[in-house]
Amino acid sequence: MQSNTAWPASVDYYAIGRRTALELHQACLQNVNYPQDTGTSETLLNLPSLQDLTGKRALILRGNGGRELLAETLTQRGATVELSECYQRIPCQYQGAEEAVRWRRQGITTLVVTSGEMLQFLYQLFPAIDRREWLLHCRLIVVSERLATLAGEAGWHSVTVADGADNDALFRALY
């Protein structure tokens, strides 16, 4: 993130996770609030300063097709919300059957998933037989209870919730 613009000091800045907060801080040179425990939309919305937003304005910077939870909740709490889809997420193109053979041959038995979109893509990537015989038996590490619930509903047998979405938390969940 680069900026040659002076960001206003009278604005409160928020980020979902520590890494995003650091990047935003480096761009705007302002204090950035973020949840200290787990970097999710839900934990961000638990911050005391985001409870009563009557008369406030919020601008949400997000990728295309982002979740609506933040905008909906901030609106319910009294804020006028604008969305700016300022980056595009483009999934890689894979051949599911070929990837299943390759991943199984490489002995992959643990997968890390950090978003609902990623979980859905992963599930839909593989043919049904590969999902039944291999994918749903892989250990799945996710970054929130919401993702754990979605994974369970999709049929995963072994789901671990990491205590954060940063690399350190994911490594702790792996070992």
Protein backbone atom coordinates (compact mmCIF):
# COMPACT_ATOMS: atom_id res chain seq x y z
CA MET A 1 0.00 0.00 0.00
CA GLN A 2 1.54 3.31 -1.03
CA SER A 3 0.32 6.81 -0.42
CA ASN A 4 1.54 10.28 -1.28
CA THR A 5 -1.53 11.76 0.39
CA ALA A 6 -1.85 13.09 3.91
CA TRP A 7 -4.50 11.01 5.64
CA PRO A 8 -6.72 12.93 8.08
CA ALA A 9 -5.80 12.63 11.75
CA SER A 10 -9.41 13.24 12.85
CA VAL A 11 -10.54 9.87 11.47
CA ASP A 12 -10.58 6.57 13.34
CA TYR A 13 -8.92 3.80 11.32
CA TYR A 14 -9.71 0.10 11.73
CA ALA A 15 -8.37 -3.12 10.26
CA ILE A 16 -9.52 -6.70 10.69
CA GLY A 17 -6.10 -8.13 11.53
CA ARG A 18 -2.66 -7.17 12.79
CA ARG A 19 -0.89 -7.40 9.41
CA THR A 20 -3.52 -5.28 7.68
CA ALA A 21 -3.33 -2.77 10.54
CA LEU A 22 0.44 -2.54 10.12
CA GLU A 23 0.15 -2.02 6.36
CA LEU A 24 -2.54 0.62 6.82
CA HIS A 25 -0.50 2.37 9.52
CA GLN A 26 2.53 2.50 7.21
CA ALA A 27 0.37 4.05 4.47
CA CYS A 28 -1.58 6.57 6.53
CA LEU A 29 0.85 7.20 9.43
CA GLN A 30 -2.12 7.15 11.82
CA ASN A 31 -3.09 4.89 14.70
CA VAL A 32 -5.03 1.86 13.44
CA ASN A 33 -7.38 -0.07 15.71
CA TYR A 34 -7.73 -3.82 15.32
CA PRO A 35 -8.85 -6.78 17.45
CA GLN A 36 -5.97 -8.04 19.55
CA ASP A 37 -7.05 -11.67 19.67
CA THR A 38 -8.43 -13.08 16.41
CA GLY A 39 -8.50 -11.10 13.17
CA THR A 40 -12.07 -11.59 11.96
CA SER A 41 -14.95 -9.30 11.07
CA GLU A 42 -16.79 -10.60 14.11
CA THR A 43 -14.00 -9.73 16.55
CA LEU A 44 -13.51 -6.32 14.94
CA LEU A 45 -17.20 -5.61 15.49
CA ASN A 46 -16.77 -6.46 19.19
CA LEU A 47 -14.46 -3.49 19.76
CA PRO A 48 -16.09 -1.08 22.25
CA SER A 49 -15.56 1.90 19.93
CA LEU A 50 -17.70 0.26 17.23
CA GLN A 51 -20.81 -0.29 19.34
CA ASP A 52 -22.68 3.04 19.08
CA LEU A 53 -22.09 4.66 15.71
CA THR A 54 -25.06 7.02 15.62
CA GLY A 55 -24.29 9.88 13.25
CA LYS A 56 -20.91 8.45 12.19
CA ARG A 57 -19.75 7.78 8.65
CA ALA A 58 -17.77 4.70 7.64
CA LEU A 59 -15.86 3.84 4.49
CA ILE A 60 -15.07 0.16 4.02
CA LEU A 61 -12.19 -0.66 1.67
CA ARG A 62 -12.52 -4.22 0.45
CA GLY A 63 -12.04 -6.62 -2.42
CA ASN A 64 -14.71 -7.51 -4.92
CA GLY A 65 -17.44 -9.70 -3.50
CA GLY A 66 -16.46 -9.14 0.13
CA ARG A 67 -18.74 -10.12 2.99
CA GLU A 68 -21.60 -7.80 3.90
CA LEU A 69 -21.37 -8.35 7.67
CA LEU A 70 -19.34 -5.22 8.44
CA ALA A 71 -21.49 -2.89 6.35
CA GLU A 72 -24.75 -4.36 7.64
CA THR A 73 -23.69 -4.28 11.29
CA LEU A 74 -22.22 -0.76 11.16
CA THR A 75 -25.44 0.44 9.50
CA GLN A 76 -27.54 -1.25 12.22
CA ARG A 77 -25.42 0.55 14.81
CA GLY A 78 -26.21 3.95 13.28
CA ALA A 79 -23.40 4.61 10.79
CA THR A 80 -23.79 5.75 7.22
CA VAL A 81 -21.66 3.25 5.30
CA GLU A 82 -20.00 3.51 1.92
CA LEU A 83 -18.17 0.63 0.25
CA SER A 84 -15.16 0.90 -2.01
CA GLU A 85 -14.12 -2.26 -3.80
CA CYS A 86 -10.51 -1.20 -4.29
CA TYR A 87 -8.89 -4.50 -5.18
CA GLN A 88 -9.91 -7.57 -7.10
CA ARG A 89 -9.63 -11.15 -5.94
CA ILE A 90 -9.19 -13.53 -8.86
CA PRO A 91 -9.08 -17.25 -8.12
CA CYS A 92 -6.38 -19.29 -9.82
CA GLN A 93 -7.55 -21.68 -12.49
CA TYR A 94 -7.00 -25.34 -11.63
CA GLN A 95 -8.08 -28.67 -13.04
CA GLY A 96 -9.63 -30.31 -9.99
CA ALA A 97 -9.14 -33.94 -10.99
CA GLU A 98 -5.47 -33.34 -11.85
CA GLU A 99 -4.87 -31.41 -8.64
CA ALA A 100 -6.48 -34.16 -6.56
CA VAL A 101 -4.12 -36.76 -8.03
CA ARG A 102 -1.11 -34.49 -7.53
CA TRP A 103 -2.02 -33.45 -3.97
CA ARG A 104 -2.74 -37.04 -2.92
CA ARG A 105 0.52 -38.25 -4.48
CA GLN A 106 2.39 -35.57 -2.53
CA GLY A 107 0.79 -36.80 0.69
CA ILE A 108 -1.14 -33.65 1.50
CA THR A 109 -3.36 -34.36 4.49
CA THR A 110 -3.72 -30.90 6.08
CA LEU A 111 -5.18 -27.78 4.49
CA VAL A 112 -5.31 -24.18 5.76
CA VAL A 113 -8.37 -22.10 4.89
CA THR A 114 -8.66 -18.42 5.82
CA SER A 115 -11.96 -17.39 4.23
CA GLY A 116 -15.38 -18.70 3.38
CA GLU A 117 -14.70 -17.96 -0.27
CA MET A 118 -11.55 -20.10 -0.13
CA LEU A 119 -13.43 -22.94 1.58
CA GLN A 120 -16.14 -22.90 -1.07
CA PHE A 121 -13.58 -22.78 -3.89
CA LEU A 122 -11.61 -25.68 -2.41
CA TYR A 123 -14.75 -27.79 -1.96
CA GLN A 124 -15.98 -27.13 -5.50
CA LEU A 125 -12.56 -27.61 -7.10
CA PHE A 126 -12.44 -31.37 -6.68
CA PRO A 127 -14.74 -33.96 -8.27
CA ALA A 128 -17.24 -35.57 -5.88
CA ILE A 129 -15.31 -38.85 -5.68
CA ASP A 130 -12.12 -37.04 -4.62
CA ARG A 131 -14.05 -35.03 -2.06
CA ARG A 132 -15.55 -38.19 -0.54
CA GLU A 133 -12.42 -40.33 -0.63
CA TRP A 134 -9.76 -37.76 0.23
CA LEU A 135 -10.58 -34.04 0.66
CA LEU A 136 -13.16 -34.31 3.45
CA HIS A 137 -10.79 -36.60 5.38
CA CYS A 138 -7.96 -34.04 5.32
CA ARG A 139 -7.35 -32.08 8.50
CA LEU A 140 -8.63 -28.57 7.98
CA ILE A 141 -7.23 -25.55 9.84
CA VAL A 142 -9.49 -22.50 9.79
CA VAL A 143 -9.27 -19.05 11.36
CA SER A 144 -12.74 -18.69 12.91
CA GLU A 145 -15.62 -20.59 14.44
CA ARG A 146 -17.77 -19.42 11.51
CA LEU A 147 -15.46 -21.22 9.07
CA ALA A 148 -15.37 -24.29 11.32
CA THR A 149 -19.16 -24.42 11.20
CA LEU A 150 -19.18 -24.05 7.41
CA ALA A 151 -16.55 -26.78 7.08
CA GLY A 152 -18.52 -29.13 9.31
CA GLU A 153 -21.67 -28.49 7.30
CA ALA A 154 -19.73 -29.27 4.10
CA GLY A 155 -18.65 -32.61 5.57
CA TRP A 156 -15.10 -32.16 6.91
CA HIS A 157 -14.32 -34.62 9.69
CA SER A 158 -11.33 -32.93 11.36
CA VAL A 159 -11.43 -29.15 11.77
CA THR A 160 -9.07 -27.11 13.97
CA VAL A 161 -9.68 -23.43 14.69
CA ALA A 162 -6.43 -21.45 14.87
CA ASP A 163 -6.22 -18.75 17.53
CA GLY A 164 -5.66 -16.12 14.83
CA ALA A 165 -5.22 -15.58 11.11
CA ASP A 166 -1.57 -14.49 11.21
CA ASN A 167 1.28 -16.82 10.26
CA ASP A 168 2.31 -17.47 13.88
CA ALA A 169 -1.20 -18.59 14.85
CA LEU A 170 -1.46 -20.82 11.78
CA PHE A 171 1.91 -22.43 12.54
CA ARG A 172 0.83 -23.06 16.13
CA ALA A 173 -2.33 -24.77 14.84
CA LEU A 174 -0.28 -26.92 12.48
CA TYR A 175 2.01 -28.28 15.20
